[in-house]
Amino acid sequence: MIKKRILICDDDQDILDLTSLILEDDYEVATEVDSTRLIRQAEAFKPDLILLDMWMPKITGDQLVRFLKKLPNLQHIPVVIFSASSDGNQKAMEAGANGFLAKPFDIDELIRIVSEYCPMVSGGVV
């Protein structure tokens, strides 16, 4: 079975470890703790979905979404922002994100939203 790829960017290593653990059975997962390296990581890994924290040092998630959506080779990739911010959903949508997940998130809700934007491949057929 060919697994779809998910790239997760968050400055909290615990969140990266937790989301990877939850998703790695069904998806190929790559993580990035430094928001300044996300674009290079996305170009190299070629993810089917990007999960992105809103509040990171240096470059914030909404800034990254705006930039990603302008790049011809990456703009097609769905981006889901997660944040504990009360206005996180609004900021995510204004930036051009495809979806939003509130932190702290429920595991079932994480799986549901990932499945919505990145359905699993079965039997090697896309």
PDB file of N, CA and C in Angstrom:
ATOM      1  N   MET A   1       0.832  -1.187   0.000  1.00  0.00           N
ATOM      2  CA  MET A   1       0.000   0.000   0.000  1.00  0.00           C
ATOM      3  C   MET A   1       0.875   1.249   0.000  1.00  0.00           C
ATOM      4  N   ILE A   2       0.555   2.173  -0.875  1.00  0.00           N
ATOM      5  CA  ILE A   2       1.259   3.444  -0.924  1.00  0.00           C
ATOM      6  C   ILE A   2       0.603   4.379   0.075  1.00  0.00           C
ATOM      7  N   LYS A   3       1.408   4.928   0.977  1.00  0.00           N
ATOM      8  CA  LYS A   3       0.872   5.830   1.989  1.00  0.00           C
ATOM      9  C   LYS A   3       0.970   7.270   1.504  1.00  0.00           C
ATOM     10  N   LYS A   4      -0.050   8.053   1.805  1.00  0.00           N
ATOM     11  CA  LYS A   4       0.017   9.487   1.545  1.00  0.00           C
ATOM     12  C   LYS A   4       0.937  10.122   2.587  1.00  0.00           C
ATOM     13  N   ARG A   5       1.436  11.306   2.244  1.00  0.00           N
ATOM     14  CA  ARG A   5       2.441  11.961   3.082  1.00  0.00           C
ATOM     15  C   ARG A   5       1.878  13.184   3.787  1.00  0.00           C
ATOM     16  N   ILE A   6       2.223  13.303   5.068  1.00  0.00           N
ATOM     17  CA  ILE A   6       1.813  14.454   5.861  1.00  0.00           C
ATOM     18  C   ILE A   6       3.061  15.092   6.463  1.00  0.00           C
ATOM     19  N   LEU A   7       3.151  16.406   6.304  1.00  0.00           N
ATOM     20  CA  LEU A   7       4.232  17.188   6.900  1.00  0.00           C
ATOM     21  C   LEU A   7       3.631  18.003   8.038  1.00  0.00           C
ATOM     22  N   ILE A   8       4.213  17.870   9.225  1.00  0.00           N
ATOM     23  CA  ILE A   8       3.716  18.578  10.408  1.00  0.00           C
ATOM     24  C   ILE A   8       4.786  19.548  10.871  1.00  0.00           C
ATOM     25  N   CYS A   9       4.406  20.802  11.041  1.00  0.00           N
ATOM     26  CA  CYS A   9       5.343  21.827  11.507  1.00  0.00           C
ATOM     27  C   CYS A   9       4.789  22.465  12.771  1.00  0.00           C
ATOM     28  N   ASP A  10       5.538  22.335  13.854  1.00  0.00           N
ATOM     29  CA  ASP A  10       5.161  22.919  15.143  1.00  0.00           C
ATOM     30  C   ASP A  10       6.450  23.129  15.929  1.00  0.00           C
ATOM     31  N   ASP A  11       6.542  24.208  16.681  1.00  0.00           N
ATOM     32  CA  ASP A  11       7.743  24.449  17.473  1.00  0.00           C
ATOM     33  C   ASP A  11       7.738  23.673  18.785  1.00  0.00           C
ATOM     34  N   ASP A  12       6.680  22.928  19.057  1.00  0.00           N
ATOM     35  CA  ASP A  12       6.566  22.101  20.259  1.00  0.00           C
ATOM     36  C   ASP A  12       6.844  20.643  19.886  1.00  0.00           C
ATOM     37  N   GLN A  13       7.985  20.138  20.311  1.00  0.00           N
ATOM     38  CA  GLN A  13       8.389  18.770  19.961  1.00  0.00           C
ATOM     39  C   GLN A  13       7.384  17.735  20.456  1.00  0.00           C
ATOM     40  N   ASP A  14       6.747  17.989  21.604  1.00  0.00           N
ATOM     41  CA  ASP A  14       5.746  17.052  22.126  1.00  0.00           C
ATOM     42  C   ASP A  14       4.557  16.918  21.174  1.00  0.00           C
ATOM     43  N   ILE A  15       4.119  18.032  20.588  1.00  0.00           N
ATOM     44  CA  ILE A  15       3.013  17.991  19.613  1.00  0.00           C
ATOM     45  C   ILE A  15       3.449  17.204  18.379  1.00  0.00           C
ATOM     46  N   LEU A  16       4.671  17.435  17.916  1.00  0.00           N
ATOM     47  CA  LEU A  16       5.177  16.688  16.759  1.00  0.00           C
ATOM     48  C   LEU A  16       5.209  15.196  17.051  1.00  0.00           C
ATOM     49  N   ASP A  17       5.709  14.837  18.223  1.00  0.00           N
ATOM     50  CA  ASP A  17       5.792  13.422  18.593  1.00  0.00           C
ATOM     51  C   ASP A  17       4.396  12.795  18.691  1.00  0.00           C
ATOM     52  N   LEU A  18       3.466  13.505  19.324  1.00  0.00           N
ATOM     53  CA  LEU A  18       2.109  12.981  19.507  1.00  0.00           C
ATOM     54  C   LEU A  18       1.395  12.809  18.168  1.00  0.00           C
ATOM     55  N   THR A  19       1.409  13.829  17.325  1.00  0.00           N
ATOM     56  CA  THR A  19       0.697  13.729  16.050  1.00  0.00           C
ATOM     57  C   THR A  19       1.335  12.673  15.152  1.00  0.00           C
ATOM     58  N   SER A  20       2.653  12.575  15.191  1.00  0.00           N
ATOM     59  CA  SER A  20       3.328  11.529  14.408  1.00  0.00           C
ATOM     60  C   SER A  20       2.897  10.147  14.858  1.00  0.00           C
ATOM     61  N   LEU A  21       2.892   9.940  16.163  1.00  0.00           N
ATOM     62  CA  LEU A  21       2.504   8.650  16.724  1.00  0.00           C
ATOM     63  C   LEU A  21       1.085   8.271  16.308  1.00  0.00           C
ATOM     64  N   ILE A  22       0.185   9.245  16.323  1.00  0.00           N
ATOM     65  CA  ILE A  22      -1.220   8.997  15.961  1.00  0.00           C
ATOM     66  C   ILE A  22      -1.355   8.655  14.478  1.00  0.00           C
ATOM     67  N   LEU A  23      -0.595   9.324  13.616  1.00  0.00           N
ATOM     68  CA  LEU A  23      -0.804   9.218  12.173  1.00  0.00           C
ATOM     69  C   LEU A  23       0.117   8.248  11.439  1.00  0.00           C
ATOM     70  N   GLU A  24       1.227   7.852  12.054  1.00  0.00           N
ATOM     71  CA  GLU A  24       2.251   7.105  11.307  1.00  0.00           C
ATOM     72  C   GLU A  24       1.845   5.708  10.851  1.00  0.00           C
ATOM     73  N   ASP A  25       0.817   5.118  11.442  1.00  0.00           N
ATOM     74  CA  ASP A  25       0.377   3.804  10.966  1.00  0.00           C
ATOM     75  C   ASP A  25      -0.284   3.898   9.591  1.00  0.00           C
ATOM     76  N   ASP A  26      -0.942   5.022   9.331  1.00  0.00           N
ATOM     77  CA  ASP A  26      -1.707   5.162   8.095  1.00  0.00           C
ATOM     78  C   ASP A  26      -1.089   6.110   7.075  1.00  0.00           C
ATOM     79  N   TYR A  27      -0.132   6.927   7.504  1.00  0.00           N
ATOM     80  CA  TYR A  27       0.481   7.918   6.627  1.00  0.00           C
ATOM     81  C   TYR A  27       1.992   7.912   6.806  1.00  0.00           C
ATOM     82  N   GLU A  28       2.696   8.384   5.786  1.00  0.00           N
ATOM     83  CA  GLU A  28       4.117   8.653   5.923  1.00  0.00           C
ATOM     84  C   GLU A  28       4.216  10.064   6.488  1.00  0.00           C
ATOM     85  N   VAL A  29       4.858  10.204   7.645  1.00  0.00           N
ATOM     86  CA  VAL A  29       4.860  11.474   8.361  1.00  0.00           C
ATOM     87  C   VAL A  29       6.278  12.027   8.452  1.00  0.00           C
ATOM     88  N   ALA A  30       6.407  13.325   8.163  1.00  0.00           N
ATOM     89  CA  ALA A  30       7.657  14.049   8.384  1.00  0.00           C
ATOM     90  C   ALA A  30       7.320  15.222   9.301  1.00  0.00           C
ATOM     91  N   THR A  31       8.274  15.597  10.144  1.00  0.00           N
ATOM     92  CA  THR A  31       8.038  16.708  11.064  1.00  0.00           C
ATOM     93  C   THR A  31       9.126  17.759  10.904  1.00  0.00           C
ATOM     94  N   GLU A  32       8.753  18.983  11.254  1.00  0.00           N
ATOM     95  CA  GLU A  32       9.691  20.096  11.226  1.00  0.00           C
ATOM     96  C   GLU A  32       9.399  20.996  12.414  1.00  0.00           C
ATOM     97  N   VAL A  33      10.416  21.260  13.232  1.00  0.00           N
ATOM     98  CA  VAL A  33      10.257  22.082  14.424  1.00  0.00           C
ATOM     99  C   VAL A  33      10.555  23.556  14.139  1.00  0.00           C
ATOM    100  N   ASP A  34      11.239  23.838  13.056  1.00  0.00           N
ATOM    101  CA  ASP A  34      11.659  25.199  12.718  1.00  0.00           C
ATOM    102  C   ASP A  34      10.872  25.713  11.515  1.00  0.00           C
ATOM    103  N   SER A  35      10.037  26.717  11.736  1.00  0.00           N
ATOM    104  CA  SER A  35       9.174  27.231  10.672  1.00  0.00           C
ATOM    105  C   SER A  35       9.968  27.791   9.489  1.00  0.00           C
ATOM    106  N   THR A  36      11.214  28.212   9.727  1.00  0.00           N
ATOM    107  CA  THR A  36      12.008  28.762   8.625  1.00  0.00           C
ATOM    108  C   THR A  36      12.451  27.680   7.643  1.00  0.00           C
ATOM    109  N   ARG A  37      12.336  26.426   8.043  1.00  0.00           N
ATOM    110  CA  ARG A  37      12.738  25.324   7.152  1.00  0.00           C
ATOM    111  C   ARG A  37      11.553  24.618   6.491  1.00  0.00           C
ATOM    112  N   LEU A  38      10.339  25.085   6.744  1.00  0.00           N
ATOM    113  CA  LEU A  38       9.149  24.397   6.237  1.00  0.00           C
ATOM    114  C   LEU A  38       9.104  24.340   4.712  1.00  0.00           C
ATOM    115  N   ILE A  39       9.380  25.432   4.043  1.00  0.00           N
ATOM    116  CA  ILE A  39       9.278  25.469   2.578  1.00  0.00           C
ATOM    117  C   ILE A  39      10.247  24.459   1.961  1.00  0.00           C
ATOM    118  N   ARG A  40      11.482  24.466   2.398  1.00  0.00           N
ATOM    119  CA  ARG A  40      12.460  23.495   1.873  1.00  0.00           C
ATOM    120  C   ARG A  40      12.036  22.063   2.167  1.00  0.00           C
ATOM    121  N   GLN A  41      11.526  21.846   3.360  1.00  0.00           N
ATOM    122  CA  GLN A  41      11.070  20.506   3.750  1.00  0.00           C
ATOM    123  C   GLN A  41       9.899  20.071   2.856  1.00  0.00           C
ATOM    124  N   ALA A  42       8.971  20.986   2.598  1.00  0.00           N
ATOM    125  CA  ALA A  42       7.806  20.666   1.757  1.00  0.00           C
ATOM    126  C   ALA A  42       8.243  20.371   0.326  1.00  0.00           C
ATOM    127  N   GLU A  43       9.190  21.128  -0.195  1.00  0.00           N
ATOM    128  CA  GLU A  43       9.681  20.886  -1.560  1.00  0.00           C
ATOM    129  C   GLU A  43      10.368  19.523  -1.666  1.00  0.00           C
ATOM    130  N   ALA A  44      11.087  19.136  -0.634  1.00  0.00           N
ATOM    131  CA  ALA A  44      11.807  17.862  -0.650  1.00  0.00           C
ATOM    132  C   ALA A  44      10.881  16.668  -0.384  1.00  0.00           C
ATOM    133  N   PHE A  45       9.971  16.799   0.568  1.00  0.00           N
ATOM    134  CA  PHE A  45       9.118  15.691   1.014  1.00  0.00           C
ATOM    135  C   PHE A  45       7.885  15.505   0.128  1.00  0.00           C
ATOM    136  N   LYS A  46       7.421  16.574  -0.506  1.00  0.00           N
ATOM    137  CA  LYS A  46       6.235  16.544  -1.376  1.00  0.00           C
ATOM    138  C   LYS A  46       5.011  15.958  -0.659  1.00  0.00           C
ATOM    139  N   PRO A  47       4.577  16.633   0.415  1.00  0.00           N
ATOM    140  CA  PRO A  47       3.454  16.109   1.199  1.00  0.00           C
ATOM    141  C   PRO A  47       2.115  16.241   0.472  1.00  0.00           C
ATOM    142  N   ASP A  48       1.172  15.408   0.893  1.00  0.00           N
ATOM    143  CA  ASP A  48      -0.209  15.497   0.416  1.00  0.00           C
ATOM    144  C   ASP A  48      -1.036  16.416   1.321  1.00  0.00           C
ATOM    145  N   LEU A  49      -0.506  16.708   2.513  1.00  0.00           N
ATOM    146  CA  LEU A  49      -1.167  17.579   3.481  1.00  0.00           C
ATOM    147  C   LEU A  49      -0.102  18.166   4.391  1.00  0.00           C
ATOM    148  N   ILE A  50      -0.308  19.438   4.773  1.00  0.00           N
ATOM    149  CA  ILE A  50       0.570  20.087   5.750  1.00  0.00           C
ATOM    150  C   ILE A  50      -0.267  20.467   6.960  1.00  0.00           C
ATOM    151  N   LEU A  51       0.170  20.036   8.137  1.00  0.00           N
ATOM    152  CA  LEU A  51      -0.412  20.465   9.409  1.00  0.00           C
ATOM    153  C   LEU A  51       0.556  21.487   9.995  1.00  0.00           C
ATOM    154  N   LEU A  52       0.035  22.645  10.357  1.00  0.00           N
ATOM    155  CA  LEU A  52       0.892  23.772  10.677  1.00  0.00           C
ATOM    156  C   LEU A  52       0.401  24.509  11.914  1.00  0.00           C
ATOM    157  N   ASP A  53       1.292  24.688  12.877  1.00  0.00           N
ATOM    158  CA  ASP A  53       0.972  25.461  14.070  1.00  0.00           C
ATOM    159  C   ASP A  53       0.861  26.938  13.703  1.00  0.00           C
ATOM    160  N   MET A  54      -0.046  27.649  14.344  1.00  0.00           N
ATOM    161  CA  MET A  54      -0.215  29.069  14.062  1.00  0.00           C
ATOM    162  C   MET A  54       0.902  29.905  14.685  1.00  0.00           C
ATOM    163  N   TRP A  55       1.167  29.687  15.964  1.00  0.00           N
ATOM    164  CA  TRP A  55       2.091  30.566  16.685  1.00  0.00           C
ATOM    165  C   TRP A  55       3.446  29.908  16.871  1.00  0.00           C
ATOM    166  N   MET A  56       4.370  30.274  15.993  1.00  0.00           N
ATOM    167  CA  MET A  56       5.745  29.784  16.063  1.00  0.00           C
ATOM    168  C   MET A  56       6.689  30.979  16.007  1.00  0.00           C
ATOM    169  N   PRO A  57       7.882  30.832  16.601  1.00  0.00           N
ATOM    170  CA  PRO A  57       8.848  31.925  16.503  1.00  0.00           C
ATOM    171  C   PRO A  57       9.338  32.086  15.057  1.00  0.00           C
ATOM    172  N   LYS A  58       9.791  33.245  14.741  1.00  0.00           N
ATOM    173  CA  LYS A  58      10.359  33.606  13.434  1.00  0.00           C
ATOM    174  C   LYS A  58       9.288  33.794  12.373  1.00  0.00           C
ATOM    175  N   ILE A  59       8.644  32.727  11.913  1.00  0.00           N
ATOM    176  CA  ILE A  59       7.588  32.833  10.897  1.00  0.00           C
ATOM    177  C   ILE A  59       6.347  32.136  11.445  1.00  0.00           C
ATOM    178  N   THR A  60       5.236  32.859  11.473  1.00  0.00           N
ATOM    179  CA  THR A  60       4.001  32.279  12.012  1.00  0.00           C
ATOM    180  C   THR A  60       3.293  31.437  10.951  1.00  0.00           C
ATOM    181  N   GLY A  61       2.376  30.606  11.409  1.00  0.00           N
ATOM    182  CA  GLY A  61       1.651  29.720  10.509  1.00  0.00           C
ATOM    183  C   GLY A  61       0.857  30.461   9.443  1.00  0.00           C
ATOM    184  N   ASP A  62       0.204  31.564   9.820  1.00  0.00           N
ATOM    185  CA  ASP A  62      -0.571  32.301   8.824  1.00  0.00           C
ATOM    186  C   ASP A  62       0.338  32.937   7.777  1.00  0.00           C
ATOM    187  N   GLN A  63       1.527  33.396   8.181  1.00  0.00           N
ATOM    188  CA  GLN A  63       2.494  33.930   7.212  1.00  0.00           C
ATOM    189  C   GLN A  63       2.957  32.829   6.253  1.00  0.00           C
ATOM    190  N   LEU A  64       3.199  31.649   6.793  1.00  0.00           N
ATOM    191  CA  LEU A  64       3.632  30.523   5.958  1.00  0.00           C
ATOM    192  C   LEU A  64       2.564  30.108   4.957  1.00  0.00           C
ATOM    193  N   VAL A  65       1.303  30.075   5.390  1.00  0.00           N
ATOM    194  CA  VAL A  65       0.219  29.700   4.475  1.00  0.00           C
ATOM    195  C   VAL A  65       0.164  30.686   3.313  1.00  0.00           C
ATOM    196  N   ARG A  66       0.217  31.974   3.616  1.00  0.00           N
ATOM    197  CA  ARG A  66       0.176  32.990   2.549  1.00  0.00           C
ATOM    198  C   ARG A  66       1.312  32.766   1.553  1.00  0.00           C
ATOM    199  N   PHE A  67       2.485  32.445   2.062  1.00  0.00           N
ATOM    200  CA  PHE A  67       3.639  32.217   1.196  1.00  0.00           C
ATOM    201  C   PHE A  67       3.481  30.922   0.387  1.00  0.00           C
ATOM    202  N   LEU A  68       3.077  29.844   1.054  1.00  0.00           N
ATOM    203  CA  LEU A  68       2.887  28.551   0.378  1.00  0.00           C
ATOM    204  C   LEU A  68       1.892  28.650  -0.778  1.00  0.00           C
ATOM    205  N   LYS A  69       0.811  29.379  -0.550  1.00  0.00           N
ATOM    206  CA  LYS A  69      -0.257  29.471  -1.546  1.00  0.00           C
ATOM    207  C   LYS A  69       0.147  30.308  -2.766  1.00  0.00           C
ATOM    208  N   LYS A  70       1.303  30.966  -2.700  1.00  0.00           N
ATOM    209  CA  LYS A  70       1.810  31.733  -3.845  1.00  0.00           C
ATOM    210  C   LYS A  70       2.844  30.949  -4.657  1.00  0.00           C
ATOM    211  N   LEU A  71       3.284  29.807  -4.144  1.00  0.00           N
ATOM    212  CA  LEU A  71       4.316  29.023  -4.817  1.00  0.00           C
ATOM    213  C   LEU A  71       3.673  27.982  -5.737  1.00  0.00           C
ATOM    214  N   PRO A  72       3.917  28.069  -7.050  1.00  0.00           N
ATOM    215  CA  PRO A  72       3.260  27.159  -7.999  1.00  0.00           C
ATOM    216  C   PRO A  72       3.443  25.674  -7.674  1.00  0.00           C
ATOM    217  N   ASN A  73       4.611  25.289  -7.165  1.00  0.00           N
ATOM    218  CA  ASN A  73       4.866  23.869  -6.891  1.00  0.00           C
ATOM    219  C   ASN A  73       4.297  23.387  -5.557  1.00  0.00           C
ATOM    220  N   LEU A  74       3.802  24.311  -4.713  1.00  0.00           N
ATOM    221  CA  LEU A  74       3.272  23.923  -3.398  1.00  0.00           C
ATOM    222  C   LEU A  74       1.841  24.400  -3.156  1.00  0.00           C
ATOM    223  N   GLN A  75       1.327  25.303  -3.937  1.00  0.00           N
ATOM    224  CA  GLN A  75       0.033  25.931  -3.654  1.00  0.00           C
ATOM    225  C   GLN A  75      -1.148  24.962  -3.668  1.00  0.00           C
ATOM    226  N   HIS A  76      -0.986  23.818  -4.327  1.00  0.00           N
ATOM    227  CA  HIS A  76      -2.070  22.829  -4.394  1.00  0.00           C
ATOM    228  C   HIS A  76      -2.203  21.988  -3.122  1.00  0.00           C
ATOM    229  N   ILE A  77      -1.209  22.029  -2.250  1.00  0.00           N
ATOM    230  CA  ILE A  77      -1.205  21.185  -1.052  1.00  0.00           C
ATOM    231  C   ILE A  77      -2.154  21.774  -0.005  1.00  0.00           C
ATOM    232  N   PRO A  78      -3.125  20.978   0.469  1.00  0.00           N
ATOM    233  CA  PRO A  78      -3.999  21.481   1.528  1.00  0.00           C
ATOM    234  C   PRO A  78      -3.196  21.743   2.807  1.00  0.00           C
ATOM    235  N   VAL A  79      -3.543  22.842   3.480  1.00  0.00           N
ATOM    236  CA  VAL A  79      -2.883  23.207   4.733  1.00  0.00           C
ATOM    237  C   VAL A  79      -3.946  23.339   5.817  1.00  0.00           C
ATOM    238  N   VAL A  80      -3.734  22.623   6.923  1.00  0.00           N
ATOM    239  CA  VAL A  80      -4.609  22.727   8.091  1.00  0.00           C
ATOM    240  C   VAL A  80      -3.782  23.360   9.202  1.00  0.00           C
ATOM    241  N   ILE A  81      -4.279  24.475   9.719  1.00  0.00           N
ATOM    242  CA  ILE A  81      -3.596  25.152  10.825  1.00  0.00           C
ATOM    243  C   ILE A  81      -4.212  24.688  12.130  1.00  0.00           C
ATOM    244  N   PHE A  82      -3.340  24.451  13.140  1.00  0.00           N
ATOM    245  CA  PHE A  82      -3.869  24.197  14.476  1.00  0.00           C
ATOM    246  C   PHE A  82      -3.343  25.242  15.445  1.00  0.00           C
ATOM    247  N   SER A  83      -4.229  25.619  16.375  1.00  0.00           N
ATOM    248  CA  SER A  83      -3.890  26.703  17.292  1.00  0.00           C
ATOM    249  C   SER A  83      -4.806  26.685  18.496  1.00  0.00           C
ATOM    250  N   ALA A  84      -4.293  27.192  19.615  1.00  0.00           N
ATOM    251  CA  ALA A  84      -5.095  27.353  20.818  1.00  0.00           C
ATOM    252  C   ALA A  84      -5.688  28.761  20.885  1.00  0.00           C
ATOM    253  N   SER A  85      -5.352  29.592  19.934  1.00  0.00           N
ATOM    254  CA  SER A  85      -5.821  30.979  19.907  1.00  0.00           C
ATOM    255  C   SER A  85      -7.331  31.047  19.679  1.00  0.00           C
ATOM    256  N   SER A  86      -7.994  31.954  20.392  1.00  0.00           N
ATOM    257  CA  SER A  86      -9.447  32.077  20.265  1.00  0.00           C
ATOM    258  C   SER A  86      -9.854  32.553  18.873  1.00  0.00           C
ATOM    259  N   ASP A  87      -8.986  33.301  18.196  1.00  0.00           N
ATOM    260  CA  ASP A  87      -9.304  33.757  16.842  1.00  0.00           C
ATOM    261  C   ASP A  87      -8.499  32.994  15.786  1.00  0.00           C
ATOM    262  N   GLY A  88      -7.992  31.831  16.161  1.00  0.00           N
ATOM    263  CA  GLY A  88      -7.160  31.032  15.266  1.00  0.00           C
ATOM    264  C   GLY A  88      -7.864  30.623  13.986  1.00  0.00           C
ATOM    265  N   ASN A  89      -9.124  30.210  14.092  1.00  0.00           N
ATOM    266  CA  ASN A  89      -9.867  29.780  12.909  1.00  0.00           C
ATOM    267  C   ASN A  89     -10.002  30.928  11.922  1.00  0.00           C
ATOM    268  N   GLN A  90     -10.373  32.089  12.417  1.00  0.00           N
ATOM    269  CA  GLN A  90     -10.532  33.261  11.551  1.00  0.00           C
ATOM    270  C   GLN A  90      -9.210  33.623  10.884  1.00  0.00           C
ATOM    271  N   LYS A  91      -8.124  33.657  11.660  1.00  0.00           N
ATOM    272  CA  LYS A  91      -6.807  33.986  11.096  1.00  0.00           C
ATOM    273  C   LYS A  91      -6.373  32.953  10.056  1.00  0.00           C
ATOM    274  N   ALA A  92      -6.647  31.677  10.334  1.00  0.00           N
ATOM    275  CA  ALA A  92      -6.285  30.606   9.405  1.00  0.00           C
ATOM    276  C   ALA A  92      -7.020  30.767   8.076  1.00  0.00           C
ATOM    277  N   MET A  93      -8.322  31.037   8.140  1.00  0.00           N
ATOM    278  CA  MET A  93      -9.118  31.181   6.923  1.00  0.00           C
ATOM    279  C   MET A  93      -8.716  32.432   6.143  1.00  0.00           C
ATOM    280  N   GLU A  94      -8.445  33.525   6.855  1.00  0.00           N
ATOM    281  CA  GLU A  94      -8.011  34.759   6.197  1.00  0.00           C
ATOM    282  C   GLU A  94      -6.679  34.569   5.474  1.00  0.00           C
ATOM    283  N   ALA A  95      -5.828  33.711   6.011  1.00  0.00           N
ATOM    284  CA  ALA A  95      -4.518  33.463   5.416  1.00  0.00           C
ATOM    285  C   ALA A  95      -4.601  32.536   4.203  1.00  0.00           C
ATOM    286  N   GLY A  96      -5.726  31.818   4.063  1.00  0.00           N
ATOM    287  CA  GLY A  96      -5.884  30.906   2.933  1.00  0.00           C
ATOM    288  C   GLY A  96      -5.736  29.439   3.281  1.00  0.00           C
ATOM    289  N   ALA A  97      -5.741  29.122   4.590  1.00  0.00           N
ATOM    290  CA  ALA A  97      -5.665  27.717   4.998  1.00  0.00           C
ATOM    291  C   ALA A  97      -6.927  26.987   4.537  1.00  0.00           C
ATOM    292  N   ASN A  98      -6.778  25.686   4.330  1.00  0.00           N
ATOM    293  CA  ASN A  98      -7.913  24.868   3.916  1.00  0.00           C
ATOM    294  C   ASN A  98      -8.769  24.433   5.091  1.00  0.00           C
ATOM    295  N   GLY A  99      -8.151  24.339   6.269  1.00  0.00           N
ATOM    296  CA  GLY A  99      -8.879  23.886   7.438  1.00  0.00           C
ATOM    297  C   GLY A  99      -8.229  24.363   8.713  1.00  0.00           C
ATOM    298  N   PHE A 100      -8.916  24.090   9.830  1.00  0.00           N
ATOM    299  CA  PHE A 100      -8.452  24.532  11.145  1.00  0.00           C
ATOM    300  C   PHE A 100      -8.762  23.451  12.173  1.00  0.00           C
ATOM    301  N   LEU A 101      -7.854  23.284  13.117  1.00  0.00           N
ATOM    302  CA  LEU A 101      -8.025  22.335  14.220  1.00  0.00           C
ATOM    303  C   LEU A 101      -7.636  23.050  15.505  1.00  0.00           C
ATOM    304  N   ALA A 102      -8.569  23.141  16.454  1.00  0.00           N
ATOM    305  CA  ALA A 102      -8.310  23.830  17.716  1.00  0.00           C
ATOM    306  C   ALA A 102      -7.443  22.965  18.633  1.00  0.00           C
ATOM    307  N   LYS A 103      -6.494  23.591  19.303  1.00  0.00           N
ATOM    308  CA  LYS A 103      -5.688  22.941  20.337  1.00  0.00           C
ATOM    309  C   LYS A 103      -6.280  23.297  21.691  1.00  0.00           C
ATOM    310  N   PRO A 104      -6.249  22.423  22.679  1.00  0.00           N
ATOM    311  CA  PRO A 104      -5.809  21.041  22.539  1.00  0.00           C
ATOM    312  C   PRO A 104      -6.827  20.267  21.723  1.00  0.00           C
ATOM    313  N   PHE A 105      -6.344  19.377  20.870  1.00  0.00           N
ATOM    314  CA  PHE A 105      -7.252  18.666  19.985  1.00  0.00           C
ATOM    315  C   PHE A 105      -7.528  17.254  20.486  1.00  0.00           C
ATOM    316  N   ASP A 106      -8.693  16.786  20.133  1.00  0.00           N
ATOM    317  CA  ASP A 106      -9.120  15.428  20.407  1.00  0.00           C
ATOM    318  C   ASP A 106      -8.517  14.535  19.313  1.00  0.00           C
ATOM    319  N   ILE A 107      -8.024  13.373  19.669  1.00  0.00           N
ATOM    320  CA  ILE A 107      -7.400  12.470  18.699  1.00  0.00           C
ATOM    321  C   ILE A 107      -8.359  12.126  17.565  1.00  0.00           C
ATOM    322  N   ASP A 108      -9.608  11.861  17.896  1.00  0.00           N
ATOM    323  CA  ASP A 108     -10.589  11.529  16.852  1.00  0.00           C
ATOM    324  C   ASP A 108     -10.804  12.699  15.899  1.00  0.00           C
ATOM    325  N   GLU A 109     -10.790  13.917  16.428  1.00  0.00           N
ATOM    326  CA  GLU A 109     -10.961  15.102  15.586  1.00  0.00           C
ATOM    327  C   GLU A 109      -9.742  15.285  14.673  1.00  0.00           C
ATOM    328  N   LEU A 110      -8.541  15.026  15.180  1.00  0.00           N
ATOM    329  CA  LEU A 110      -7.337  15.085  14.349  1.00  0.00           C
ATOM    330  C   LEU A 110      -7.447  14.093  13.193  1.00  0.00           C
ATOM    331  N   ILE A 111      -7.821  12.875  13.498  1.00  0.00           N
ATOM    332  CA  ILE A 111      -7.948  11.837  12.466  1.00  0.00           C
ATOM    333  C   ILE A 111      -9.033  12.210  11.459  1.00  0.00           C
ATOM    334  N   ARG A 112     -10.146  12.756  11.935  1.00  0.00           N
ATOM    335  CA  ARG A 112     -11.233  13.145  11.040  1.00  0.00           C
ATOM    336  C   ARG A 112     -10.786  14.240  10.064  1.00  0.00           C
ATOM    337  N   ILE A 113     -10.132  15.258  10.583  1.00  0.00           N
ATOM    338  CA  ILE A 113      -9.746  16.364   9.706  1.00  0.00           C
ATOM    339  C   ILE A 113      -8.638  15.954   8.745  1.00  0.00           C
ATOM    340  N   VAL A 114      -7.715  15.123   9.188  1.00  0.00           N
ATOM    341  CA  VAL A 114      -6.668  14.621   8.294  1.00  0.00           C
ATOM    342  C   VAL A 114      -7.302  13.774   7.193  1.00  0.00           C
ATOM    343  N   SER A 115      -8.247  12.918   7.556  1.00  0.00           N
ATOM    344  CA  SER A 115      -8.927  12.077   6.564  1.00  0.00           C
ATOM    345  C   SER A 115      -9.729  12.904   5.569  1.00  0.00           C
ATOM    346  N   GLU A 116     -10.271  14.024   6.018  1.00  0.00           N
ATOM    347  CA  GLU A 116     -11.047  14.896   5.133  1.00  0.00           C
ATOM    348  C   GLU A 116     -10.162  15.502   4.042  1.00  0.00           C
ATOM    349  N   TYR A 117      -8.974  15.942   4.408  1.00  0.00           N
ATOM    350  CA  TYR A 117      -8.094  16.613   3.452  1.00  0.00           C
ATOM    351  C   TYR A 117      -7.076  15.682   2.804  1.00  0.00           C
ATOM    352  N   CYS A 118      -6.903  14.505   3.380  1.00  0.00           N
ATOM    353  CA  CYS A 118      -5.905  13.572   2.867  1.00  0.00           C
ATOM    354  C   CYS A 118      -6.405  12.137   3.053  1.00  0.00           C
ATOM    355  N   PRO A 119      -7.414  11.721   2.255  1.00  0.00           N
ATOM    356  CA  PRO A 119      -7.956  10.377   2.435  1.00  0.00           C
ATOM    357  C   PRO A 119      -6.874   9.314   2.218  1.00  0.00           C
ATOM    358  N   MET A 120      -6.939   8.265   3.023  1.00  0.00           N
ATOM    359  CA  MET A 120      -5.967   7.187   2.887  1.00  0.00           C
ATOM    360  C   MET A 120      -6.139   6.475   1.557  1.00  0.00           C
ATOM    361  N   VAL A 121      -5.039   5.954   1.060  1.00  0.00           N
ATOM    362  CA  VAL A 121      -5.047   5.192  -0.183  1.00  0.00           C
ATOM    363  C   VAL A 121      -5.222   3.726   0.181  1.00  0.00           C
ATOM    364  N   SER A 122      -6.118   3.049  -0.528  1.00  0.00           N
ATOM    365  CA  SER A 122      -6.303   1.618  -0.251  1.00  0.00           C
ATOM    366  C   SER A 122      -5.999   0.820  -1.495  1.00  0.00           C
ATOM    367  N   GLY A 123      -5.321  -0.295  -1.307  1.00  0.00           N
ATOM    368  CA  GLY A 123      -5.023  -1.190  -2.423  1.00  0.00           C
ATOM    369  C   GLY A 123      -4.094  -0.613  -3.477  1.00  0.00           C
ATOM    370  N   GLY A 124      -3.368   0.442  -3.116  1.00  0.00           N
ATOM    371  CA  GLY A 124      -2.412   1.019  -4.053  1.00  0.00           C
ATOM    372  C   GLY A 124      -3.058   1.849  -5.165  1.00  0.00           C
ATOM    373  N   VAL A 125      -4.367   2.087  -5.072  1.00  0.00           N
ATOM    374  CA  VAL A 125      -5.068   2.872  -6.080  1.00  0.00           C
ATOM    375  C   VAL A 125      -5.358   4.250  -5.510  1.00  0.00           C
ATOM    376  N   VAL A 126      -5.056   5.261  -6.276  1.00  0.00           N
ATOM    377  CA  VAL A 126      -5.265   6.630  -5.790  1.00  0.00           C
ATOM    378  C   VAL A 126      -6.690   7.045  -6.058  1.00  0.00           C
TER     379      VAL A 126
END
